[in-house]
Protein backbone atom coordinates (compact mmCIF):
# COMPACT_ATOMS: atom_id res chain seq x y z
CA UNK A 1 0.00 0.00 0.00
CA UNK A 2 2.40 2.69 -1.29
CA UNK A 3 -0.08 5.61 -1.19
CA UNK A 4 -3.07 5.34 1.09
CA UNK A 5 -5.60 7.31 3.10
CA UNK A 6 -6.87 6.49 6.56
CA UNK A 7 -8.98 7.81 9.40
CA UNK A 8 -8.96 6.63 13.01
CA UNK A 9 -12.41 5.49 14.13
CA UNK A 10 -12.31 6.28 17.86
CA UNK A 11 -9.07 6.87 19.69
CA UNK A 12 -6.08 9.13 18.93
CA UNK A 13 -2.81 7.43 18.03
CA UNK A 14 0.82 8.49 18.36
CA UNK A 15 3.08 7.21 15.60
CA UNK A 16 6.80 8.06 15.81
CA UNK A 17 6.00 11.10 17.99
CA UNK A 18 3.33 12.29 15.52
CA UNK A 19 -0.13 12.58 17.10
CA UNK A 20 -2.96 11.44 14.82
CA UNK A 21 -6.46 12.58 15.69
CA UNK A 22 -9.60 10.42 15.23
CA UNK A 23 -12.32 11.23 12.69
CA UNK A 24 -9.91 13.08 10.39
CA UNK A 25 -8.73 11.88 6.99
CA UNK A 26 -4.99 11.58 6.44
CA UNK A 27 -2.76 10.54 3.53
CA UNK A 28 0.56 8.73 3.77
CA UNK A 29 3.18 6.69 1.92
CA UNK A 30 4.65 5.17 5.08
CA UNK A 31 4.48 1.41 4.56
CA UNK A 32 5.27 0.66 8.22
CA UNK A 33 2.35 2.84 9.31
CA UNK A 34 -0.06 1.02 6.98
CA UNK A 35 1.11 -2.34 8.39
CA UNK A 36 0.69 -1.13 11.95
CA UNK A 37 -2.84 0.14 11.31
CA UNK A 38 -3.76 -3.13 9.59
CA UNK A 39 -2.42 -5.10 12.55
CA UNK A 40 -4.50 -3.01 14.94
CA UNK A 41 -7.56 -3.66 12.78
CA UNK A 42 -7.04 -7.40 13.28
CA UNK A 43 -7.60 -6.90 17.00
CA UNK A 44 -10.54 -4.50 16.71
CA UNK A 45 -11.91 -1.86 14.34
CA UNK A 46 -9.27 0.80 14.75
CA UNK A 47 -8.96 2.65 11.43
CA UNK A 48 -10.44 2.84 7.97
CA UNK A 49 -7.75 2.40 5.31
CA UNK A 50 -8.05 2.88 1.55
CA UNK A 51 -5.55 2.48 -1.24
CA UNK A 52 -5.27 5.73 -3.20
CA UNK A 53 -4.48 6.07 -6.89
CA UNK A 54 -1.97 8.80 -7.68
CA UNK A 55 -3.51 11.19 -10.17
CA UNK A 56 -1.69 13.04 -12.93
CA UNK A 57 -2.07 16.79 -12.79
CA UNK A 58 -3.85 18.66 -15.60
CA UNK A 59 -2.31 22.05 -14.83
CA UNK A 60 0.15 23.65 -12.42
CA UNK A 61 -1.25 26.19 -9.98
CA UNK A 62 0.39 28.61 -7.57
CA UNK A 63 0.26 26.41 -4.45
CA UNK A 64 2.31 23.30 -5.08
CA UNK A 65 2.50 20.22 -2.87
CA UNK A 66 5.39 17.94 -3.90
CA UNK A 67 4.83 14.33 -2.84
CA UNK A 68 8.07 12.38 -2.60
CA UNK A 69 8.37 8.59 -3.15
CA UNK A 70 8.12 6.16 -0.20
CA UNK A 71 11.83 5.32 0.08
CA UNK A 72 14.96 7.26 -0.83
CA UNK A 73 18.41 7.91 0.60
CA UNK A 74 20.36 10.90 1.88
CA UNK A 75 21.86 11.65 -1.53
CA UNK A 76 18.44 11.72 -3.17
CA UNK A 77 17.19 13.95 -0.33
CA UNK A 78 19.88 16.51 -1.15
CA UNK A 79 19.01 16.41 -4.85
CA UNK A 80 15.27 16.74 -4.14
CA UNK A 81 16.12 19.61 -1.80
CA UNK A 82 18.22 21.47 -4.37
CA UNK A 83 15.48 21.05 -6.99
CA UNK A 84 12.78 22.32 -4.59
CA UNK A 85 15.03 25.17 -3.42
CA UNK A 86 15.41 26.18 -7.08
CA UNK A 87 11.61 26.19 -7.49
CA UNK A 88 11.21 28.42 -4.43
CA UNK A 89 13.87 30.84 -5.65
CA UNK A 90 12.18 31.10 -9.05
CA UNK A 91 9.22 32.93 -7.37
CA UNK A 92 6.80 31.09 -9.66
CA UNK A 93 4.80 29.75 -6.71
CA UNK A 94 3.04 31.35 -3.76
CA UNK A 95 3.56 28.27 -1.57
CA UNK A 96 5.50 25.03 -1.91
CA UNK A 97 5.00 22.12 0.48
CA UNK A 98 6.89 18.83 0.68
CA UNK A 99 5.07 15.67 1.74
CA UNK A 100 6.48 12.30 2.83
CA UNK A 101 10.07 13.27 3.66
CA UNK A 102 10.03 10.34 6.12
CA UNK A 103 13.23 9.98 8.17
CA UNK A 104 14.94 12.77 6.19
CA UNK A 105 12.84 15.49 7.79
CA UNK A 106 15.83 17.22 9.42
CA UNK A 107 17.60 17.58 6.07
CA UNK A 108 14.64 19.41 4.56
CA UNK A 109 13.98 21.43 7.72
CA UNK A 110 17.48 22.29 8.92
CA UNK A 111 19.80 21.89 5.93
CA UNK A 112 17.47 23.63 3.46
CA UNK A 113 15.26 25.57 5.94
CA UNK A 114 12.00 24.71 4.15
CA UNK A 115 8.79 25.79 5.87
CA UNK A 116 5.96 23.46 4.84
CA UNK A 117 7.01 19.88 5.50
CA UNK A 118 4.80 16.86 6.18
CA UNK A 119 7.19 14.00 7.11
CA UNK A 120 4.86 11.01 7.56
CA UNK A 121 1.26 12.10 7.03
CA UNK A 122 -0.75 15.00 5.68
CA UNK A 123 -4.34 15.70 6.67
CA UNK A 124 -7.13 16.29 4.17
CA UNK A 125 -7.39 19.89 5.45
CA UNK A 126 -3.68 20.49 4.91
CA UNK A 127 -3.75 18.87 1.47
CA UNK A 128 -6.73 21.00 0.45
CA UNK A 129 -4.70 24.17 1.00
CA UNK A 130 -2.76 23.32 -2.18
CA UNK A 131 -4.18 23.61 -5.69
CA UNK A 132 -1.61 21.22 -7.22
CA UNK A 133 -0.71 17.82 -5.72
CA UNK A 134 2.40 16.71 -7.58
CA UNK A 135 3.61 13.10 -7.18
CA UNK A 136 7.13 13.59 -8.37
CA UNK A 137 7.91 10.10 -9.70
CA UNK A 138 4.52 9.92 -11.43
CA UNK A 139 4.87 13.21 -13.29
CA UNK A 140 8.56 13.32 -14.21
CA UNK A 141 9.22 10.43 -16.60
CA UNK A 142 13.00 10.45 -16.17
CA UNK A 143 12.60 9.73 -12.45
CA UNK A 144 10.46 6.61 -12.92
CA UNK A 145 13.47 4.37 -13.57
CA UNK A 146 15.98 5.86 -11.12
CA UNK A 147 16.96 2.42 -9.81
CA UNK A 148 18.06 1.29 -13.27
CA UNK A 149 19.22 4.48 -15.01
CA UNK A 150 20.27 7.14 -12.53
CA UNK A 151 19.73 10.75 -13.55
CA UNK A 152 20.16 14.15 -11.91
CA UNK A 153 17.02 14.58 -9.79
CA UNK A 154 17.44 18.31 -9.17
CA UNK A 155 18.04 19.03 -12.86
CA UNK A 156 15.01 16.94 -13.88
CA UNK A 157 12.77 18.86 -11.47
CA UNK A 158 14.00 22.18 -12.83
CA UNK A 159 13.61 21.02 -16.43
CA UNK A 160 10.01 19.98 -15.79
CA UNK A 161 9.01 23.33 -14.27
CA UNK A 162 11.26 25.32 -16.64
CA UNK A 163 13.24 27.07 -13.92
CA UNK A 164 17.04 27.49 -13.61
CA UNK A 165 18.92 25.08 -11.35
CA UNK A 166 20.48 26.90 -8.40
CA UNK A 167 24.03 25.98 -7.41
CA UNK A 168 23.14 25.43 -3.76
CA UNK A 169 26.02 26.06 -1.35
CA UNK A 170 26.26 26.17 2.45
CA UNK A 171 28.56 28.67 4.12
CA UNK A 172 31.13 27.49 6.65
CA UNK A 173 32.88 29.59 9.28
CA UNK A 174 36.43 28.69 8.29
CA UNK A 175 38.69 28.00 11.21
CA UNK A 176 41.09 25.61 9.50
CA UNK A 177 43.72 26.48 6.93
CA UNK A 178 43.47 25.24 3.34
CA UNK A 179 46.59 23.10 3.80
CA UNK A 180 45.53 19.43 3.61
CA UNK A 181 46.46 17.50 6.75
CA UNK A 182 43.61 14.97 6.96
CA UNK A 183 42.10 12.55 4.44
CA UNK A 184 38.54 11.41 5.20
CA UNK A 185 37.25 8.27 3.48
CA UNK A 186 33.49 7.84 3.03
CA UNK A 187 33.35 4.25 1.71
CA UNK A 188 29.74 3.25 2.46
CA UNK A 189 26.76 3.37 0.13
CA UNK A 190 23.37 1.71 0.47
CA UNK A 191 24.46 -0.54 -2.39
CA UNK A 192 27.53 -2.77 -2.72
CA UNK A 193 27.99 -1.73 -6.36
CA UNK A 194 28.52 1.85 -5.16
CA UNK A 195 30.67 1.10 -2.11
CA UNK A 196 34.46 1.13 -1.85
CA UNK A 197 36.08 -2.35 -1.71
CA UNK A 198 38.22 -3.36 1.25
CA UNK A 199 41.51 -3.70 -0.68
CA UNK A 200 41.23 -0.15 -2.03
CA UNK A 201 40.67 1.29 1.46
CA UNK A 202 43.70 -0.63 2.76
CA UNK A 203 45.86 0.65 -0.11
CA UNK A 204 44.82 4.27 0.59
CA UNK A 205 45.70 3.84 4.29
CA UNK A 206 49.04 2.28 3.38
CA UNK A 207 49.97 5.05 0.93
CA UNK A 208 48.85 8.12 2.89
CA UNK A 209 48.74 7.38 6.64
CA UNK A 210 52.45 8.21 7.03
CA UNK A 211 52.01 11.80 5.83
CA UNK A 212 48.35 12.51 6.56
CA UNK A 213 45.86 11.76 9.29
CA UNK A 214 43.36 9.25 7.84
CA UNK A 215 39.75 9.07 9.04
CA UNK A 216 37.16 6.54 7.88
CA UNK A 217 33.49 7.37 8.33
CA UNK A 218 31.27 4.38 9.12
CA UNK A 219 27.56 3.87 9.71
CA UNK A 220 25.58 1.00 11.28
CA UNK A 221 25.36 -1.08 8.11
CA UNK A 222 26.51 -4.65 7.52
CA UNK A 223 29.28 -3.41 5.22
CA UNK A 224 30.61 -0.99 7.86
CA UNK A 225 30.86 -3.86 10.35
CA UNK A 226 32.60 -6.00 7.72
CA UNK A 227 35.18 -3.28 7.04
CA UNK A 228 35.79 -2.63 10.74
CA UNK A 229 36.37 -6.34 11.29
CA UNK A 230 38.65 -6.82 8.29
CA UNK A 231 40.82 -3.72 7.77
CA UNK A 232 44.24 -4.96 8.91
CA UNK A 233 46.09 -1.64 8.88
CA UNK A 234 44.90 0.27 11.94
CA UNK A 235 46.56 3.61 11.10
CA UNK A 236 43.25 5.43 10.85
CA UNK A 237 40.66 7.02 13.09
CA UNK A 238 37.19 5.48 13.25
CA UNK A 239 34.36 8.02 12.97
CA UNK A 240 30.79 6.84 13.55
CA UNK A 241 28.30 9.74 13.33
CA UNK A 242 25.31 9.24 15.63
CA UNK A 243 22.78 10.79 13.26
CA UNK A 244 22.44 12.88 10.11
CA UNK A 245 23.23 16.08 12.03
CA UNK A 246 26.58 14.74 13.28
CA UNK A 247 27.35 13.36 9.79
CA UNK A 248 26.77 16.82 8.28
CA UNK A 249 29.01 18.36 10.94
CA UNK A 250 31.75 15.82 10.16
CA UNK A 251 31.53 16.56 6.43
CA UNK A 252 31.60 20.32 7.05
CA UNK A 253 34.96 19.86 8.83
CA UNK A 254 36.40 17.54 6.16
CA UNK A 255 39.80 18.64 4.87
CA UNK A 256 40.00 16.31 1.84
CA UNK A 257 37.42 13.62 1.09
CA UNK A 258 37.43 10.33 -0.79
CA UNK A 259 33.85 9.70 -1.87
CA UNK A 260 31.70 7.18 -3.66
CA UNK A 261 28.12 7.75 -4.87
CA UNK A 262 26.41 8.25 -1.52
CA UNK A 263 24.85 10.92 0.69
CA UNK A 264 28.17 12.35 1.98
CA UNK A 265 29.25 13.18 -1.58
CA UNK A 266 26.13 15.31 -2.16
CA UNK A 267 26.48 17.05 1.21
CA UNK A 268 30.19 17.69 0.57
CA UNK A 269 29.38 19.42 -2.72
CA UNK A 270 27.03 21.80 -0.88
CA UNK A 271 29.99 22.72 1.37
CA UNK A 272 32.27 22.99 -1.71
CA UNK A 273 34.68 20.43 -0.27
CA UNK A 274 37.85 19.18 -1.97
CA UNK A 275 38.42 15.54 -2.80
CA UNK A 276 37.92 12.75 -5.31
CA UNK A 277 35.00 10.60 -6.40
CA UNK A 278 35.62 6.94 -7.23
CA UNK A 279 33.14 6.47 -10.07
CA UNK A 280 31.37 3.10 -10.05
CA UNK A 281 27.93 2.49 -11.60
CA UNK A 282 26.73 6.12 -11.77
CA UNK A 283 28.39 8.72 -13.99
CA UNK A 284 30.37 11.57 -12.46
CA UNK A 285 28.73 13.86 -15.04
CA UNK A 286 25.50 13.36 -13.08
CA UNK A 287 27.03 13.27 -9.60
CA UNK A 288 29.47 16.18 -9.92
CA UNK A 289 27.38 18.61 -11.93
CA UNK A 290 27.71 21.28 -9.22
CA UNK A 291 31.27 20.70 -8.02
CA UNK A 292 34.60 22.00 -9.28
CA UNK A 293 36.61 20.85 -6.28
CA UNK A 294 35.96 17.10 -6.48
CA UNK A 295 37.80 15.19 -9.18
CA UNK A 296 36.52 11.94 -10.63
CA UNK A 297 38.39 8.65 -11.02
CA UNK A 298 36.65 7.33 -14.12
CA UNK A 299 35.02 3.92 -14.48
CA UNK A 300 36.20 2.63 -17.87
CA UNK A 301 34.79 -0.89 -17.54
CA UNK A 302 33.48 -2.43 -20.75
CA UNK A 303 31.64 -5.68 -21.48
CA UNK A 304 29.20 -7.09 -24.02
CA UNK A 305 26.25 -5.97 -21.88
CA UNK A 306 27.35 -2.71 -20.33
CA UNK A 307 29.78 0.17 -20.49
CA UNK A 308 30.76 1.70 -17.19
CA UNK A 309 29.17 3.65 -15.68
CA UNK A 310 25.89 1.86 -16.54
CA UNK A 311 23.53 3.98 -14.39
CA UNK A 312 22.40 1.15 -12.12
CA UNK A 313 21.81 2.19 -8.50
CA UNK A 314 21.72 -1.32 -7.02
CA UNK A 315 21.73 -4.94 -8.09
CA UNK A 316 18.42 -6.62 -8.84
CA UNK A 317 16.83 -10.06 -8.97
CA UNK A 318 15.98 -11.92 -12.17
CA UNK A 319 15.54 -15.62 -12.98
CA UNK A 320 16.46 -16.69 -9.43
CA UNK A 321 19.75 -14.76 -9.51
CA UNK A 322 20.86 -11.40 -8.18
CA UNK A 323 23.30 -9.17 -9.99
CA UNK A 324 23.78 -6.31 -12.44
CA UNK A 325 23.12 -5.87 -16.15
CA UNK A 326 26.16 -7.96 -17.02
CA UNK A 327 25.23 -10.75 -14.56
CA UNK A 328 21.75 -11.06 -16.04
CA UNK A 329 22.80 -10.34 -19.64
CA UNK A 330 20.21 -7.58 -19.81
CA UNK A 331 20.19 -3.88 -20.63
CA UNK A 332 18.04 -0.92 -19.63
CA UNK A 333 15.62 -1.42 -22.54
CA UNK A 334 14.95 -4.96 -21.32
CA UNK A 335 14.07 -3.59 -17.87
CA UNK A 336 11.56 -1.10 -19.26
CA UNK A 337 9.85 -3.88 -21.22
CA UNK A 338 9.09 -5.96 -18.10
CA UNK A 339 5.44 -5.77 -17.04
CA UNK A 340 6.18 -6.22 -13.34
CA UNK A 341 9.36 -4.46 -12.24
CA UNK A 342 8.57 -4.87 -8.54
CA UNK A 343 9.79 -8.47 -8.75
CA UNK A 344 13.26 -7.17 -9.62
CA UNK A 345 13.54 -5.68 -6.13
CA UNK A 346 12.33 -8.76 -4.27
CA UNK A 347 15.55 -10.19 -2.87
CA UNK A 348 16.89 -10.46 0.65
CA UNK A 349 19.87 -8.20 1.30
CA UNK A 350 20.78 -9.80 4.63
CA UNK A 351 20.96 -13.26 3.08
CA UNK A 352 23.16 -12.07 0.18
CA UNK A 353 25.58 -9.67 1.90
CA UNK A 354 28.48 -12.12 2.19
CA UNK A 355 28.02 -13.32 -1.38
CA UNK A 356 28.04 -9.77 -2.76
CA UNK A 357 31.21 -8.85 -0.89
CA UNK A 358 33.15 -11.93 -2.03
CA UNK A 359 31.67 -11.84 -5.56
CA UNK A 360 31.65 -8.18 -6.67
CA UNK A 361 30.23 -7.22 -10.05
CA UNK A 362 32.64 -6.76 -12.95
CA UNK A 363 33.20 -3.01 -12.80
CA UNK A 364 33.88 -3.10 -9.04
CA UNK A 365 36.25 -6.04 -9.43
CA UNK A 366 38.32 -4.13 -11.99
CA UNK A 367 38.63 -0.75 -10.24
CA UNK A 368 42.20 0.46 -10.84
CA UNK A 369 43.58 1.16 -7.35
CA UNK A 370 46.87 2.56 -8.74
CA UNK A 371 44.90 5.14 -10.70
CA UNK A 372 42.98 6.12 -7.55
CA UNK A 373 46.25 6.66 -5.64
CA UNK A 374 47.68 8.79 -8.47
CA UNK A 375 44.53 10.93 -8.70
CA UNK A 376 44.55 11.48 -4.91
CA UNK A 377 48.20 12.61 -5.06
CA UNK A 378 47.48 14.91 -7.99
CA UNK A 379 44.41 16.46 -6.39
CA UNK A 380 46.15 17.01 -3.03
CA UNK A 381 49.08 18.67 -4.80
CA UNK A 382 46.70 20.83 -6.83
CA UNK A 383 44.73 21.78 -3.72
CA UNK A 384 47.81 22.60 -1.68
């Protein structure tokens, strides 16, 4: 039940610190909430739930409510934010609201300072204050296949509404000098095909820990635990941000960053940080469109089924296997021809983590670590 409406029949209900009143109609895309309400209904009549069909707009008014998809990461949040910020700065709208920001509320509220945000639910009364309800992945065709052909979200939003894309930057009170003394590695993505392999991290530590302080930023993921357990060279500092706020603070203090396609890269660009991007499955032309200080290490992988970077955001399931375009011997056109693409995402990450680490896809397996080291040296010299 990706988009649904509900109303509580009798009693109020607090969901993740949000108080929901009875006898009022609400809309949501929170799948966990729909499951919880359904479970309560099994005990007694607690709420009335209805699946809602997303409707295409016929015209764009002056009061725009942007409805985000049910699940997205920190990097996508930043791109959505930059696109929405550009819409606000265009002055084409009297009011812009953002619905279903989910657990990224603080990014939209604090990082971008947006006013009208509805993280989990929006009431019928609140929704009625807008003349245009815009489901972003329904209306913008290029965003419908983001999992399989990544594109620039912010640019696509601006193209749709015919407004210029703003180069969004955050100011920092500089206390440190520009001389590079610390290298911060951000190796973790939500996908293994966009994460930095263990042997590359170890080579970076080996080459640079004698001259520079090396920090590695971890999260609470399976891959972070794997790296912490398996990195043999301990000449680095472990940094484990408690939440998105502490992650942003860590990035704002970064001297020189080594990034992959993940949230920290997008945040670093907003702070105009220096560093390199190790390009994997998503093109640096998309990821570095608003950065002059981050240099890309290109993915030049080539096979009969794909040319790196292929645009894939994560592996997918097909014919009882999990893998990438090359694994499945498919291309993007094949994906778009499938009637049911939801099946492609039905695979268990926990059960396949070990397999994916020991059996990386082709372009990850052939990352040129010597080239990465040379680009880091060049960029540090250029920056210094």
